[in-house]
């Protein structure tokens, strides 16, 4: 089960109480106080584990608590410190204060470990309070209580390329073709109900991570469909690939402008990401018709360039990576995941762009 946000209560351990004790042994004159200190309460840590991909393991855990410190004992014996609690989360998890809504931590790196709540200190035993004027202290310190905090954990997947498109435009088919992901693929809308990640291997020790989210429809930013709930999973992506179906009953103009509008309504910063456009299911049309669709899309985004309609190969538009207009897409390419048309060029183009974007960062 994929769960991307949970609300839980976390508590660090209480410190153990100090001991009130006096040494009472035969042949030991004036033994005096010997009460030991209480143990420290356990801390609460967050740790990022790359092998964890969901927050589902918190579904039935409403309150997680570190161990309390043990009380001190006689003969100056200190209490045992409480065992710390380590909360395992997947990369991309945000820790949000439920009361204020403030993002306390944004955990993105594997093996990252942060101290969230510190356990209470143990109380001092009466051995610390003896003096020349107080040779028989009958008191010790109680332990300091731990800290309790209510937090919301929200997962935002980390990927290099995010796929954006209407339902049933071929996003799942593409990610299953180019990566190791195995999403459900079927010929009906909203086949994808949860986000999927796939690692795309392009050889030469190069790879990148692709994210597929449920299809976006008009009004997604207002809560329609599933898009709003999962758009947050492409917030961290470095690059967006808009996917428009050339065989859909929706026009390319309707698909492209609706997707741009919904993404921008959700996050203006997300819409400023570098992007490209893939025209899917080009195997359903002849090459001349696909090139007409390509010309239509180029005109729609403001590219003044002619496509040879007589060419028998599905052409594509690609900008020069070193002399490009940042307002335009990196490329527009017709593809077919089923017929493997332009799939290899798409993989290599995305790998080059991800490499360039990472270098710029």
Protein backbone atom coordinates (compact mmCIF):
# COMPACT_ATOMS: atom_id res chain seq x y z
CA UNK A 1 0.00 0.00 0.00
CA UNK A 2 1.35 3.41 -0.98
CA UNK A 3 0.89 6.03 1.75
CA UNK A 4 2.54 9.44 1.31
CA UNK A 5 1.40 11.32 4.43
CA UNK A 6 0.76 10.31 8.03
CA UNK A 7 0.21 12.10 11.32
CA UNK A 8 2.02 10.70 14.34
CA UNK A 9 3.01 11.70 17.87
CA UNK A 10 6.64 11.32 18.91
CA UNK A 11 7.96 11.37 22.49
CA UNK A 12 11.49 11.24 23.82
CA UNK A 13 12.15 9.30 27.01
CA UNK A 14 11.85 10.73 30.53
CA UNK A 15 14.99 11.01 32.61
CA UNK A 16 15.26 8.60 35.55
CA UNK A 17 14.97 9.89 39.09
CA UNK A 18 18.03 10.19 41.29
CA UNK A 19 18.28 7.88 44.30
CA UNK A 20 18.14 8.72 48.02
CA UNK A 21 20.36 6.14 49.67
CA UNK A 22 22.80 5.89 52.58
CA UNK A 23 25.63 3.48 53.00
CA UNK A 24 24.85 1.02 55.80
CA UNK A 25 27.60 -1.58 56.26
CA UNK A 26 29.14 -3.27 59.20
CA UNK A 27 32.52 -1.85 60.19
CA UNK A 28 31.94 1.20 57.95
CA UNK A 29 31.70 4.25 60.15
CA UNK A 30 29.77 7.25 58.90
CA UNK A 31 29.02 5.72 55.50
CA UNK A 32 27.08 8.76 54.31
CA UNK A 33 24.82 9.28 51.28
CA UNK A 34 25.48 7.17 48.20
CA UNK A 35 22.41 7.59 45.98
CA UNK A 36 23.25 7.36 42.27
CA UNK A 37 21.96 9.48 39.36
CA UNK A 38 19.05 8.54 37.12
CA UNK A 39 19.67 7.54 33.54
CA UNK A 40 19.05 9.85 30.56
CA UNK A 41 15.86 9.34 28.56
CA UNK A 42 16.16 8.04 25.00
CA UNK A 43 16.40 10.49 22.08
CA UNK A 44 14.27 10.43 18.93
CA UNK A 45 16.11 10.36 15.60
CA UNK A 46 14.97 10.39 12.00
CA UNK A 47 16.99 8.26 9.60
CA UNK A 48 16.65 8.11 5.81
CA UNK A 49 16.71 4.65 4.25
CA UNK A 50 16.85 4.33 0.46
CA UNK A 51 15.23 0.90 0.69
CA UNK A 52 12.02 2.42 2.06
CA UNK A 53 9.60 3.90 -0.50
CA UNK A 54 6.40 4.58 1.43
CA UNK A 55 5.14 5.68 4.85
CA UNK A 56 2.77 2.70 5.13
CA UNK A 57 4.67 1.25 8.11
CA UNK A 58 3.36 4.16 10.21
CA UNK A 59 -0.27 3.44 9.33
CA UNK A 60 -1.11 1.71 12.62
CA UNK A 61 1.44 3.48 14.79
CA UNK A 62 -0.07 6.64 16.23
CA UNK A 63 2.38 7.25 19.09
CA UNK A 64 6.07 6.34 19.01
CA UNK A 65 8.09 6.75 22.18
CA UNK A 66 11.72 6.34 23.17
CA UNK A 67 12.55 4.46 26.38
CA UNK A 68 12.65 6.19 29.75
CA UNK A 69 15.88 6.36 31.74
CA UNK A 70 16.12 4.02 34.74
CA UNK A 71 16.22 5.47 38.29
CA UNK A 72 19.50 5.61 40.17
CA UNK A 73 20.32 3.16 42.96
CA UNK A 74 22.39 2.95 46.10
CA UNK A 75 26.16 2.50 46.15
CA UNK A 76 26.41 5.33 43.63
CA UNK A 77 24.99 3.16 40.87
CA UNK A 78 23.70 5.20 37.95
CA UNK A 79 20.46 4.27 36.22
CA UNK A 80 20.63 2.88 32.68
CA UNK A 81 19.99 5.37 29.90
CA UNK A 82 16.84 4.78 27.84
CA UNK A 83 17.19 3.33 24.35
CA UNK A 84 16.81 5.93 21.61
CA UNK A 85 14.06 5.67 19.01
CA UNK A 86 15.11 5.68 15.35
CA UNK A 87 12.30 6.55 12.95
CA UNK A 88 13.03 5.19 9.46
CA UNK A 89 11.69 7.27 6.56
CA UNK A 90 12.19 7.17 2.76
CA UNK A 91 14.19 9.86 0.93
CA UNK A 92 12.08 12.92 0.20
CA UNK A 93 10.22 12.96 3.53
CA UNK A 94 9.31 16.28 5.09
CA UNK A 95 8.77 16.58 8.85
CA UNK A 96 6.02 19.14 9.43
CA UNK A 97 4.88 20.59 12.76
CA UNK A 98 1.15 19.87 12.98
CA UNK A 99 0.47 22.91 15.13
CA UNK A 100 2.27 25.58 13.11
CA UNK A 101 2.54 23.90 9.70
CA UNK A 102 6.27 24.69 9.65
CA UNK A 103 8.57 22.33 7.75
CA UNK A 104 11.05 21.28 10.44
CA UNK A 105 13.22 18.96 8.32
CA UNK A 106 13.42 18.04 4.66
CA UNK A 107 15.20 14.70 4.46
CA UNK A 108 16.45 13.82 0.98
CA UNK A 109 19.82 12.05 1.33
CA UNK A 110 20.25 8.32 1.95
CA UNK A 111 21.62 7.49 5.44
CA UNK A 112 20.91 11.06 6.63
CA UNK A 113 20.30 10.97 10.40
CA UNK A 114 19.02 13.90 12.45
CA UNK A 115 18.29 14.34 16.14
CA UNK A 116 14.64 15.37 16.44
CA UNK A 117 13.80 15.20 20.17
CA UNK A 118 16.33 14.97 23.00
CA UNK A 119 15.56 12.74 25.97
CA UNK A 120 15.19 14.17 29.46
CA UNK A 121 18.23 14.33 31.73
CA UNK A 122 18.42 12.00 34.69
CA UNK A 123 18.08 13.46 38.17
CA UNK A 124 21.03 13.73 40.55
CA UNK A 125 21.24 11.31 43.47
CA UNK A 126 21.61 12.54 47.05
CA UNK A 127 25.35 11.88 46.96
CA UNK A 128 25.69 15.21 45.11
CA UNK A 129 24.04 17.20 47.89
CA UNK A 130 26.21 16.27 50.85
CA UNK A 131 28.23 19.02 52.48
CA UNK A 132 29.76 19.92 55.82
CA UNK A 133 26.48 21.51 56.85
CA UNK A 134 24.22 18.90 55.26
CA UNK A 135 25.72 15.52 55.96
CA UNK A 136 22.45 13.61 55.55
CA UNK A 137 20.55 14.93 52.48
CA UNK A 138 17.19 13.23 52.24
CA UNK A 139 16.34 14.36 48.75
CA UNK A 140 17.37 13.77 45.14
CA UNK A 141 16.35 15.28 41.84
CA UNK A 142 13.51 13.85 39.77
CA UNK A 143 14.31 13.17 36.13
CA UNK A 144 13.47 15.80 33.52
CA UNK A 145 10.45 14.75 31.41
CA UNK A 146 10.91 14.00 27.73
CA UNK A 147 9.42 16.09 24.91
CA UNK A 148 6.26 15.17 23.01
CA UNK A 149 5.55 16.58 19.57
CA UNK A 150 2.81 15.97 17.01
CA UNK A 151 4.13 15.92 13.48
CA UNK A 152 3.00 15.17 9.96
CA UNK A 153 5.26 13.16 7.68
CA UNK A 154 4.82 13.99 4.01
CA UNK A 155 6.62 12.11 1.27
CA UNK A 156 7.61 13.82 -1.96
CA UNK A 157 9.35 11.42 -4.29
CA UNK A 158 12.78 12.33 -5.63
CA UNK A 159 13.26 11.89 -9.37
CA UNK A 160 15.19 13.51 -12.21
CA UNK A 161 12.38 13.45 -14.78
CA UNK A 162 8.65 13.77 -14.02
CA UNK A 163 6.02 12.59 -16.51
CA UNK A 164 3.00 14.90 -16.86
CA UNK A 165 -0.02 14.05 -18.95
CA UNK A 166 -3.73 13.31 -19.14
CA UNK A 167 -4.92 9.84 -18.09
CA UNK A 168 -4.22 7.04 -20.59
CA UNK A 169 -1.66 8.90 -22.74
CA UNK A 170 1.03 6.22 -22.33
CA UNK A 171 2.99 7.40 -19.26
CA UNK A 172 2.97 3.97 -17.59
CA UNK A 173 3.80 2.23 -20.87
CA UNK A 174 6.78 4.54 -21.38
CA UNK A 175 8.20 4.10 -17.88
CA UNK A 176 7.78 0.32 -18.11
CA UNK A 177 9.56 0.35 -21.49
CA UNK A 178 12.58 2.46 -20.58
CA UNK A 179 13.09 1.51 -16.91
CA UNK A 180 12.87 -1.29 -14.37
CA UNK A 181 9.43 -0.16 -13.14
CA UNK A 182 6.42 -2.46 -13.61
CA UNK A 183 3.29 -0.31 -13.34
CA UNK A 184 -0.15 -1.57 -14.30
CA UNK A 185 -0.82 -0.87 -17.97
CA UNK A 186 -4.36 -0.98 -19.41
CA UNK A 187 -6.46 0.77 -22.03
CA UNK A 188 -8.59 2.85 -19.70
CA UNK A 189 -8.15 6.09 -17.79
CA UNK A 190 -6.67 6.28 -14.29
CA UNK A 191 -4.86 2.96 -14.56
CA UNK A 192 -2.15 4.56 -12.42
CA UNK A 193 -3.50 5.26 -8.94
CA UNK A 194 -0.19 5.79 -7.12
CA UNK A 195 3.15 7.33 -8.17
CA UNK A 196 5.79 5.05 -9.62
CA UNK A 197 9.57 5.45 -9.86
CA UNK A 198 11.82 3.79 -12.41
CA UNK A 199 15.58 3.87 -12.98
CA UNK A 200 16.45 4.43 -16.64
CA UNK A 201 19.83 2.96 -17.60
CA UNK A 202 21.43 4.58 -20.66
CA UNK A 203 24.79 2.80 -20.50
CA UNK A 204 28.24 4.30 -19.98
CA UNK A 205 27.54 4.21 -16.22
CA UNK A 206 24.78 6.77 -16.71
CA UNK A 207 21.24 6.52 -15.38
CA UNK A 208 18.44 8.73 -14.14
CA UNK A 209 15.20 8.31 -12.18
CA UNK A 210 11.83 8.83 -13.84
CA UNK A 211 8.58 9.46 -11.93
CA UNK A 212 5.10 8.60 -13.20
CA UNK A 213 2.10 10.11 -11.42
CA UNK A 214 -1.65 9.58 -11.97
CA UNK A 215 -3.08 11.45 -14.94
CA UNK A 216 -3.98 15.12 -14.64
CA UNK A 217 -7.33 16.41 -15.86
CA UNK A 218 -8.76 19.91 -16.15
CA UNK A 219 -9.47 21.25 -12.66
CA UNK A 220 -6.88 19.00 -10.97
CA UNK A 221 -5.46 22.00 -9.08
CA UNK A 222 -8.98 22.50 -7.65
CA UNK A 223 -9.21 18.90 -6.47
CA UNK A 224 -10.65 17.09 -9.50
CA UNK A 225 -9.33 13.64 -10.35
CA UNK A 226 -6.15 12.35 -8.68
CA UNK A 227 -3.66 14.90 -10.00
CA UNK A 228 -3.76 17.35 -7.10
CA UNK A 229 -3.01 14.67 -4.54
CA UNK A 230 0.08 13.47 -6.38
CA UNK A 231 1.41 16.59 -8.14
CA UNK A 232 3.63 17.10 -5.09
CA UNK A 233 5.61 14.04 -6.19
CA UNK A 234 7.04 15.91 -9.18
CA UNK A 235 7.87 19.05 -7.17
CA UNK A 236 11.42 17.80 -6.64
CA UNK A 237 12.03 16.71 -10.23
CA UNK A 238 14.70 18.56 -12.16
CA UNK A 239 12.93 18.21 -15.49
CA UNK A 240 9.35 17.75 -16.75
CA UNK A 241 8.29 15.68 -19.76
CA UNK A 242 4.83 16.70 -20.98
CA UNK A 243 3.15 13.81 -22.79
CA UNK A 244 0.41 14.52 -25.35
CA UNK A 245 -1.45 11.75 -27.21
CA UNK A 246 -1.70 12.32 -30.98
CA UNK A 247 -4.56 9.79 -31.22
CA UNK A 248 -6.66 11.22 -28.39
CA UNK A 249 -10.10 12.78 -28.86
CA UNK A 250 -8.60 15.81 -27.07
CA UNK A 251 -6.68 18.18 -29.32
CA UNK A 252 -2.97 18.76 -28.74
CA UNK A 253 -3.78 22.35 -27.86
CA UNK A 254 -6.30 21.31 -25.19
CA UNK A 255 -3.93 18.74 -23.70
CA UNK A 256 -0.85 20.96 -23.60
CA UNK A 257 -2.51 24.17 -22.37
CA UNK A 258 -4.55 22.33 -19.72
CA UNK A 259 -1.48 20.55 -18.37
CA UNK A 260 0.52 23.77 -18.22
CA UNK A 261 -2.33 25.58 -16.47
CA UNK A 262 -2.87 22.89 -13.83
CA UNK A 263 0.85 22.55 -13.06
CA UNK A 264 1.22 26.34 -12.79
CA UNK A 265 -1.86 26.61 -10.53
CA UNK A 266 -0.36 23.96 -8.27
CA UNK A 267 3.12 25.51 -8.12
CA UNK A 268 4.43 28.50 -10.03
CA UNK A 269 8.02 27.42 -9.31
CA UNK A 270 7.32 23.95 -10.74
CA UNK A 271 6.16 25.49 -14.01
CA UNK A 272 9.52 27.26 -14.31
CA UNK A 273 11.36 23.93 -14.59
CA UNK A 274 13.02 22.97 -17.82
CA UNK A 275 10.75 20.77 -19.92
CA UNK A 276 10.27 18.83 -23.14
CA UNK A 277 7.28 17.39 -24.99
CA UNK A 278 6.66 13.82 -26.15
CA UNK A 279 3.90 13.13 -28.68
CA UNK A 280 2.77 9.62 -27.80
CA UNK A 281 1.19 6.77 -29.80
CA UNK A 282 2.65 7.99 -33.09
CA UNK A 283 2.38 4.39 -34.38
CA UNK A 284 -1.37 4.93 -34.78
CA UNK A 285 -0.80 7.50 -37.57
CA UNK A 286 1.29 7.51 -40.73
CA UNK A 287 4.56 9.45 -40.74
CA UNK A 288 3.12 12.39 -42.67
CA UNK A 289 0.25 12.80 -40.18
CA UNK A 290 2.65 12.58 -37.23
CA UNK A 291 4.83 15.29 -38.76
CA UNK A 292 1.71 17.44 -39.15
CA UNK A 293 1.03 16.95 -35.43
CA UNK A 294 4.65 17.88 -34.73
CA UNK A 295 4.29 21.09 -36.76
CA UNK A 296 1.07 21.87 -34.89
CA UNK A 297 2.76 21.48 -31.52
CA UNK A 298 5.77 23.56 -32.59
CA UNK A 299 3.47 26.36 -33.69
CA UNK A 300 1.56 26.06 -30.40
CA UNK A 301 4.69 26.61 -28.27
CA UNK A 302 6.02 29.37 -30.54
CA UNK A 303 8.68 27.60 -32.62
CA UNK A 304 9.08 29.07 -36.09
CA UNK A 305 10.45 26.13 -38.06
CA UNK A 306 9.13 24.03 -40.94
CA UNK A 307 8.90 20.24 -40.88
CA UNK A 308 9.21 18.25 -44.10
CA UNK A 309 5.80 16.57 -44.33
CA UNK A 310 7.01 14.13 -46.99
CA UNK A 311 9.66 12.58 -44.73
CA UNK A 312 8.87 8.93 -44.03
CA UNK A 313 10.51 9.06 -40.59
CA UNK A 314 8.78 10.70 -37.61
CA UNK A 315 10.90 13.81 -37.15
CA UNK A 316 11.57 15.76 -33.96
CA UNK A 317 12.55 19.25 -32.91
CA UNK A 318 15.66 19.56 -30.73
CA UNK A 319 17.25 22.76 -29.48
CA UNK A 320 20.98 23.29 -29.30
CA UNK A 321 21.80 22.65 -25.63
CA UNK A 322 24.43 25.38 -25.65
CA UNK A 323 22.48 28.05 -27.50
CA UNK A 324 18.85 27.61 -26.58
CA UNK A 325 15.79 29.67 -25.75
CA UNK A 326 14.88 28.84 -22.13
CA UNK A 327 11.22 29.70 -22.77
CA UNK A 328 10.92 26.87 -25.28
CA UNK A 329 10.96 23.11 -24.67
CA UNK A 330 14.29 21.34 -24.98
CA UNK A 331 12.76 19.11 -27.62
CA UNK A 332 9.50 17.87 -29.10
CA UNK A 333 9.63 14.25 -30.16
CA UNK A 334 7.00 11.81 -31.48
CA UNK A 335 7.30 8.43 -29.77
CA UNK A 336 5.65 5.03 -29.52
CA UNK A 337 6.52 2.89 -26.51
CA UNK A 338 4.83 -0.16 -28.06
CA UNK A 339 6.52 0.12 -31.47
CA UNK A 340 9.77 1.42 -29.88
CA UNK A 341 9.74 4.50 -32.14
CA UNK A 342 12.24 7.16 -30.99
CA UNK A 343 12.54 5.52 -27.54
CA UNK A 344 16.34 5.29 -27.60
CA UNK A 345 16.78 8.94 -28.76
CA UNK A 346 14.37 9.99 -25.99
CA UNK A 347 16.39 8.16 -23.33
CA UNK A 348 19.69 9.68 -24.45
CA UNK A 349 18.21 13.18 -24.79
CA UNK A 350 16.77 13.02 -21.26
CA UNK A 351 20.07 11.67 -19.89
CA UNK A 352 22.01 14.55 -21.49
CA UNK A 353 19.58 17.14 -20.13
CA UNK A 354 19.58 15.69 -16.60
CA UNK A 355 23.40 15.68 -16.68
CA UNK A 356 23.43 19.32 -17.81
CA UNK A 357 20.88 20.42 -15.19
CA UNK A 358 22.85 18.69 -12.42
CA UNK A 359 26.04 20.41 -13.55
CA UNK A 360 24.29 23.79 -13.51
CA UNK A 361 23.17 23.15 -9.92
